[in-house]
Protein backbone atom coordinates (compact mmCIF):
# COMPACT_ATOMS: atom_id res chain seq x y z
CA MET A 1 -6.86 14.60 17.81
CA PRO A 2 -4.23 13.55 20.33
CA LEU A 3 -2.50 9.90 19.47
CA ASP A 4 -3.28 7.61 22.54
CA ARG A 5 -0.18 5.81 23.69
CA THR A 6 -0.82 2.41 21.37
CA SER A 7 -1.20 4.65 18.38
CA GLU A 8 2.33 5.76 19.15
CA THR A 9 4.24 3.11 19.59
CA LEU A 10 2.12 1.76 16.67
CA LEU A 11 3.82 4.63 14.78
CA ALA A 12 7.10 4.44 16.67
CA THR A 13 7.48 0.83 15.29
CA VAL A 14 6.56 1.83 11.91
CA HIS A 15 9.22 4.57 11.56
CA ALA A 16 11.49 2.39 12.68
CA SER A 17 11.38 0.56 8.97
CA PRO A 18 12.74 3.70 6.98
CA ARG A 19 15.30 4.40 10.15
CA ALA A 20 16.41 0.90 9.14
CA VAL A 21 16.59 0.76 5.54
CA GLY A 22 18.26 4.53 5.40
CA ALA A 23 20.91 2.69 7.41
CA HIS A 24 21.18 -0.23 5.38
CA ASP A 25 20.68 -1.92 8.81
CA LYS A 26 19.39 -5.53 7.60
CA ALA A 27 19.07 -7.07 10.65
CA ALA A 28 16.88 -3.77 12.27
CA TRP A 29 14.79 -3.75 9.53
CA VAL A 30 14.57 -7.30 9.82
CA ALA A 31 13.61 -7.60 12.90
CA LEU A 32 11.04 -5.41 12.88
CA PHE A 33 8.94 -8.09 11.63
CA ALA A 34 6.80 -11.25 13.99
CA GLU A 35 7.11 -14.49 13.38
CA ASN A 36 5.86 -15.78 9.78
CA ALA A 37 4.93 -12.05 8.92
CA GLN A 38 4.46 -11.39 5.08
CA VAL A 39 5.78 -8.40 2.99
CA ASN A 40 3.59 -7.83 -0.19
CA ASP A 41 5.06 -5.14 -2.35
CA PRO A 42 3.80 -4.22 -4.76
CA VAL A 43 0.13 -5.76 -3.87
CA GLY A 44 -0.76 -8.24 -6.53
CA SER A 45 2.84 -9.85 -6.62
CA ARG A 46 3.96 -13.15 -4.78
CA PRO A 47 3.77 -12.29 -0.90
CA HIS A 48 7.60 -13.00 1.12
CA ILE A 49 6.36 -14.92 3.72
CA GLY A 50 8.87 -15.82 6.80
CA ALA A 51 12.23 -14.21 8.04
CA GLU A 52 14.13 -15.79 5.35
CA ALA A 53 12.22 -14.74 2.49
CA ILE A 54 11.80 -11.49 4.02
CA SER A 55 15.44 -11.23 3.97
CA ARG A 56 16.34 -12.01 0.56
CA PHE A 57 13.40 -9.14 -0.47
CA TYR A 58 15.74 -7.40 1.65
CA ASN A 59 18.98 -8.30 -0.08
CA THR A 60 16.98 -7.84 -4.07
CA PHE A 61 15.51 -4.72 -3.33
CA ILE A 62 16.23 -2.70 -0.23
CA GLY A 63 19.94 -3.62 0.24
CA PRO A 64 21.36 -2.51 -3.46
CA ASN A 65 19.72 1.09 -3.81
CA GLY A 66 19.39 4.12 -1.82
CA ILE A 67 15.69 4.94 -0.85
CA VAL A 68 13.75 7.85 0.71
CA PHE A 69 10.79 8.39 2.26
CA ARG A 70 8.64 11.04 1.42
CA VAL A 71 5.75 10.90 3.88
CA ASP A 72 3.06 12.90 3.41
CA ARG A 73 0.51 11.88 6.57
CA ASP A 74 0.26 8.76 8.84
CA LEU A 75 -3.28 7.40 9.37
CA VAL A 76 -3.71 5.22 12.65
CA ALA A 77 -6.78 2.42 13.06
CA GLY A 78 -7.15 0.03 15.17
CA ARG A 79 -3.95 -2.25 15.14
CA SER A 80 -3.13 -1.01 11.64
CA VAL A 81 -0.84 2.27 10.14
CA VAL A 82 -0.92 3.50 7.14
CA ARG A 83 1.51 6.03 5.27
CA ASP A 84 0.79 8.23 1.89
CA LEU A 85 3.74 8.93 0.36
CA HIS A 86 6.20 9.13 -2.34
CA ILE A 87 9.51 6.85 -2.67
CA GLU A 88 12.43 8.04 -4.24
CA THR A 89 14.66 5.13 -4.97
CA THR A 90 18.26 5.58 -7.01
CA MET A 91 19.36 2.43 -8.08
CA SER A 92 23.21 1.81 -8.18
CA THR A 93 23.74 3.02 -11.74
CA GLY A 94 22.49 6.17 -10.40
CA ALA A 95 18.59 6.52 -11.99
CA THR A 96 16.65 7.65 -9.77
CA VAL A 97 13.00 7.11 -9.39
CA VAL A 98 10.16 8.79 -7.60
CA VAL A 99 6.63 6.58 -7.17
CA PRO A 100 3.95 7.09 -5.38
CA MET A 101 2.11 4.83 -2.72
CA HIS A 102 -0.09 3.86 -0.01
CA LEU A 103 1.90 1.61 2.68
CA ARG A 104 -0.38 -0.26 4.92
CA TYR A 105 1.48 -2.13 7.88
CA ASP A 106 -0.81 -4.89 10.25
CA LEU A 107 1.01 -4.47 13.42
CA VAL A 108 0.57 -7.37 16.46
CA GLU A 109 1.51 -7.33 20.23
CA THR A 110 4.59 -9.97 20.88
CA SER A 111 6.60 -10.65 23.87
CA ASP A 112 9.12 -8.14 22.21
CA GLY A 113 6.88 -5.73 21.38
CA TRP A 114 4.88 -4.39 18.28
CA ARG A 115 6.14 -6.24 15.41
CA ILE A 116 4.76 -5.83 11.94
CA SER A 117 2.27 -8.90 10.77
CA ARG A 118 1.86 -7.63 7.34
CA LEU A 119 3.39 -5.30 4.72
CA ALA A 120 1.15 -4.37 2.00
CA ALA A 121 2.61 -1.65 -0.53
CA HIS A 122 0.11 -0.56 -2.93
CA TRP A 123 2.03 0.97 -5.96
CA GLU A 124 2.27 0.06 -9.76
CA LEU A 125 4.95 -1.61 -11.19
CA ALA A 126 4.08 -1.11 -14.61
CA VAL A 127 4.72 2.69 -13.34
CA MET A 128 8.07 2.13 -11.97
CA ILE A 129 9.15 0.28 -14.96
CA ALA A 130 8.12 3.25 -17.27
CA ARG A 131 9.99 5.42 -15.46
CA LEU A 132 12.88 3.88 -14.71
CA LEU A 133 13.54 3.04 -18.39
CA GLY A 134 12.83 6.67 -18.66
CA THR A 135 15.89 8.08 -16.94
CA GLY A 136 18.27 6.35 -20.23
CA THR A 137 21.01 4.50 -20.04
CA SER A 138 21.26 4.46 -16.29
CA GLY A 139 17.66 3.23 -16.33
CA VAL A 140 18.18 0.67 -18.85
CA LEU A 141 21.24 -0.95 -16.64
CA ALA A 142 19.62 -0.71 -13.66
CA GLY A 143 16.83 -2.78 -14.82
CA ALA A 144 19.24 -5.35 -16.26
CA LYS A 145 20.84 -6.35 -13.15
CA LEU A 146 17.92 -6.56 -11.14
CA GLY A 147 16.84 -8.90 -13.55
CA PRO A 148 19.92 -11.58 -12.42
CA GLN A 149 19.09 -10.13 -8.93
CA LEU A 150 15.56 -11.33 -8.86
CA VAL A 151 16.32 -14.94 -9.80
CA GLY A 152 19.60 -15.32 -7.80
CA GLU A 153 17.85 -13.73 -4.53
CA LEU A 154 14.27 -15.56 -5.27
CA GLY A 155 14.84 -18.52 -7.77
CA MET A 156 12.85 -18.31 -10.97
CA GLY A 157 9.57 -18.74 -9.49
CA GLY A 158 9.99 -15.95 -6.96
CA ALA A 159 10.84 -13.88 -10.31
CA MET A 160 7.44 -14.68 -11.94
CA GLY A 161 5.80 -14.14 -8.44
CA MET A 162 7.06 -10.01 -8.73
CA MET A 163 5.95 -9.93 -12.11
CA ARG A 164 2.23 -11.01 -11.22
CA ALA A 165 1.67 -7.46 -10.20
CA LEU A 166 1.34 -6.67 -13.62
CA ARG A 167 -1.76 -7.88 -13.93
CA GLY A 168 -5.03 -6.81 -11.28
CA VAL A 169 -7.65 -4.55 -11.79
CA GLY A 170 -5.87 -1.98 -13.53
CA GLY A 171 -7.42 0.92 -15.46
CA HIS A 172 -10.97 -0.82 -15.56
CA GLY A 173 -10.66 -0.78 -11.13
CA LYS A 174 -9.65 2.57 -11.69
CA ARG A 175 -12.66 3.80 -13.69
CA LEU A 176 -14.75 2.03 -11.42
CA ALA A 177 -13.36 3.46 -8.34
CA ARG A 178 -14.11 6.80 -9.76
CA ARG A 179 -17.64 5.89 -10.73
CA LEU A 180 -18.13 4.79 -6.62
CA PHE A 181 -16.38 8.68 -5.56
CA THR A 182 -18.65 10.28 -8.14
CA ALA A 183 -21.77 8.30 -6.69
CA ALA A 184 -20.74 9.12 -3.16
CA ALA A 185 -19.87 12.84 -3.51
CA ALA A 186 -23.17 13.47 -5.12
CA GLY A 187 -24.81 11.72 -1.89
CA ASP A 188 -26.38 9.07 -4.41
CA ALA A 189 -26.51 5.66 -2.45
CA ALA A 190 -28.46 3.53 -5.48
CA GLY A 191 -25.05 4.86 -7.56
CA VAL A 192 -23.17 3.16 -4.98
CA ARG A 193 -24.99 0.23 -4.26
CA ALA A 194 -25.09 -0.59 -7.66
CA LEU A 195 -21.15 -1.05 -8.10
CA LEU A 196 -20.37 -3.52 -4.81
CA ASP A 197 -20.65 -7.37 -4.26
CA HIS A 198 -23.92 -7.98 -2.26
CA ARG A 199 -21.44 -8.98 0.77
CA ALA A 200 -19.79 -5.92 0.28
CA VAL A 201 -18.28 -4.61 3.80
CA ILE A 202 -17.91 -0.61 4.20
CA GLU A 203 -15.52 0.51 7.24
CA LEU A 204 -15.64 4.26 7.46
CA PRO A 205 -13.05 5.07 9.51
CA ALA A 206 -11.35 2.21 9.19
CA GLY A 207 -12.50 -0.54 12.21
CA THR A 208 -16.45 0.82 12.04
CA ARG A 209 -18.79 -0.65 9.82
CA ILE A 210 -21.60 1.38 8.10
CA ALA A 211 -24.23 1.05 5.54
CA VAL A 212 -24.46 2.28 2.42
CA ASP A 213 -27.33 4.82 2.78
CA GLU A 214 -24.72 6.25 5.83
CA PHE A 215 -21.62 5.87 3.90
CA ALA A 216 -23.27 8.06 0.75
CA GLU A 217 -24.01 10.87 3.26
CA ARG A 218 -21.27 10.89 5.32
CA VAL A 219 -18.61 11.34 2.18
CA ARG A 220 -20.85 13.92 0.29
CA GLU A 221 -18.66 16.09 -1.63
CA ILE A 222 -15.51 13.51 -1.06
CA HIS A 223 -12.09 14.84 -3.08
CA TRP A 224 -10.04 12.15 -4.06
CA ASP A 225 -6.63 11.94 -6.32
CA LYS A 226 -3.34 9.87 -6.36
CA MET A 227 -5.17 6.59 -7.51
CA ILE A 228 -2.89 3.45 -7.43
CA ALA A 229 -4.33 0.06 -8.73
CA ALA A 230 -2.60 -2.52 -7.43
CA GLY A 231 -3.26 -6.52 -7.64
CA ARG A 232 -7.09 -6.18 -7.04
CA THR A 233 -7.20 -3.05 -4.58
CA VAL A 234 -7.53 0.47 -6.00
CA SER A 235 -6.31 3.00 -3.49
CA ALA A 236 -6.32 6.44 -3.52
CA SER A 237 -5.44 9.69 -1.01
CA VAL A 238 -8.74 11.28 0.00
CA ARG A 239 -10.81 14.30 1.75
CA VAL A 240 -13.83 13.82 3.42
CA GLY A 241 -14.66 17.47 4.91
CA ASP A 242 -11.52 18.86 6.82
CA ALA A 243 -9.97 15.16 7.40
CA HIS A 244 -7.78 14.07 4.99
CA GLY A 245 -6.62 9.63 4.42
CA VAL A 246 -6.33 6.65 2.25
CA ALA A 247 -9.57 4.62 0.92
CA PHE A 248 -8.88 1.09 -0.11
CA ILE A 249 -11.32 -0.24 -2.44
CA ASP A 250 -11.05 -3.93 -2.85
CA PHE A 251 -12.76 -6.11 -5.71
CA ALA A 252 -14.09 -9.60 -5.32
CA PRO A 253 -11.72 -12.10 -7.19
CA SER A 254 -14.26 -12.96 -9.58
CA SER A 255 -15.98 -10.17 -10.46
CA SER A 256 -15.55 -6.66 -11.42
CA ARG A 257 -18.03 -5.63 -8.25
CA ILE A 258 -16.49 -4.04 -4.67
CA ASP A 259 -15.95 -6.34 -2.02
CA ALA A 260 -14.70 -4.15 0.36
CA ILE A 261 -14.42 -0.78 0.99
CA THR A 262 -12.28 0.46 3.77
CA VAL A 263 -11.64 4.61 4.34
CA PHE A 264 -8.31 5.69 7.02
CA LEU A 265 -8.61 9.01 8.00
CA ASP A 266 -6.97 11.21 10.56
CA ASP A 267 -10.16 12.16 12.39
CA ALA A 268 -11.71 9.51 13.62
CA GLU A 269 -14.66 11.72 13.65
CA GLY A 270 -14.32 11.43 9.79
């Protein structure tokens, strides 16, 4: 369906990010973020909060590299934009890795226009490391250079904060997500409910809360692929009827139960 003016403006703001990255225009990229915005990249690592921290993040992970966004689709709901994509990164040593990713941008309207209040990058650090090392000598050299860059720009605490992304729900979370989708595809509301925390919230589409029974009915025969575990969230590219989208499954901090399901769709009727 046609986008309204606000959605078009949100997309324009988001699309400015890869343009600035591709042009290596640090000032333009940092200026896209609101005051006290945060970059959580990857989700599960320690967030970079505020302009100074975001600037150091750029110096470490964007400035030295060539980055290309291969976008499959953009999804807009409320004041959020989700991108389903792969990112191709070429390191200074020549090593190139392609990593599957889901990006969520939450935006806020300011006196200077729309700005990004939070960028959440869902990708798997372990997968990226394995692919980098798999490129051979150039990948090993890139990894050796990245360590000092991390410490130099972010400090030892920041470097350790990045490594937190290696922990999270991981394979166990993916298995539970598959069980959720399998039950939902069969219209099994009881099977869905058994995986949820008692306070769980379901939004389908994003921004619209629905009950478990309605969720199981509306996503009957759901299809999914490109599943990513980052922090305590599993994201997946999905198809619901004729609509395509991305589902985010958040797990409760103290358990393996799901406490939120948020589905962004390219068709708001779902």
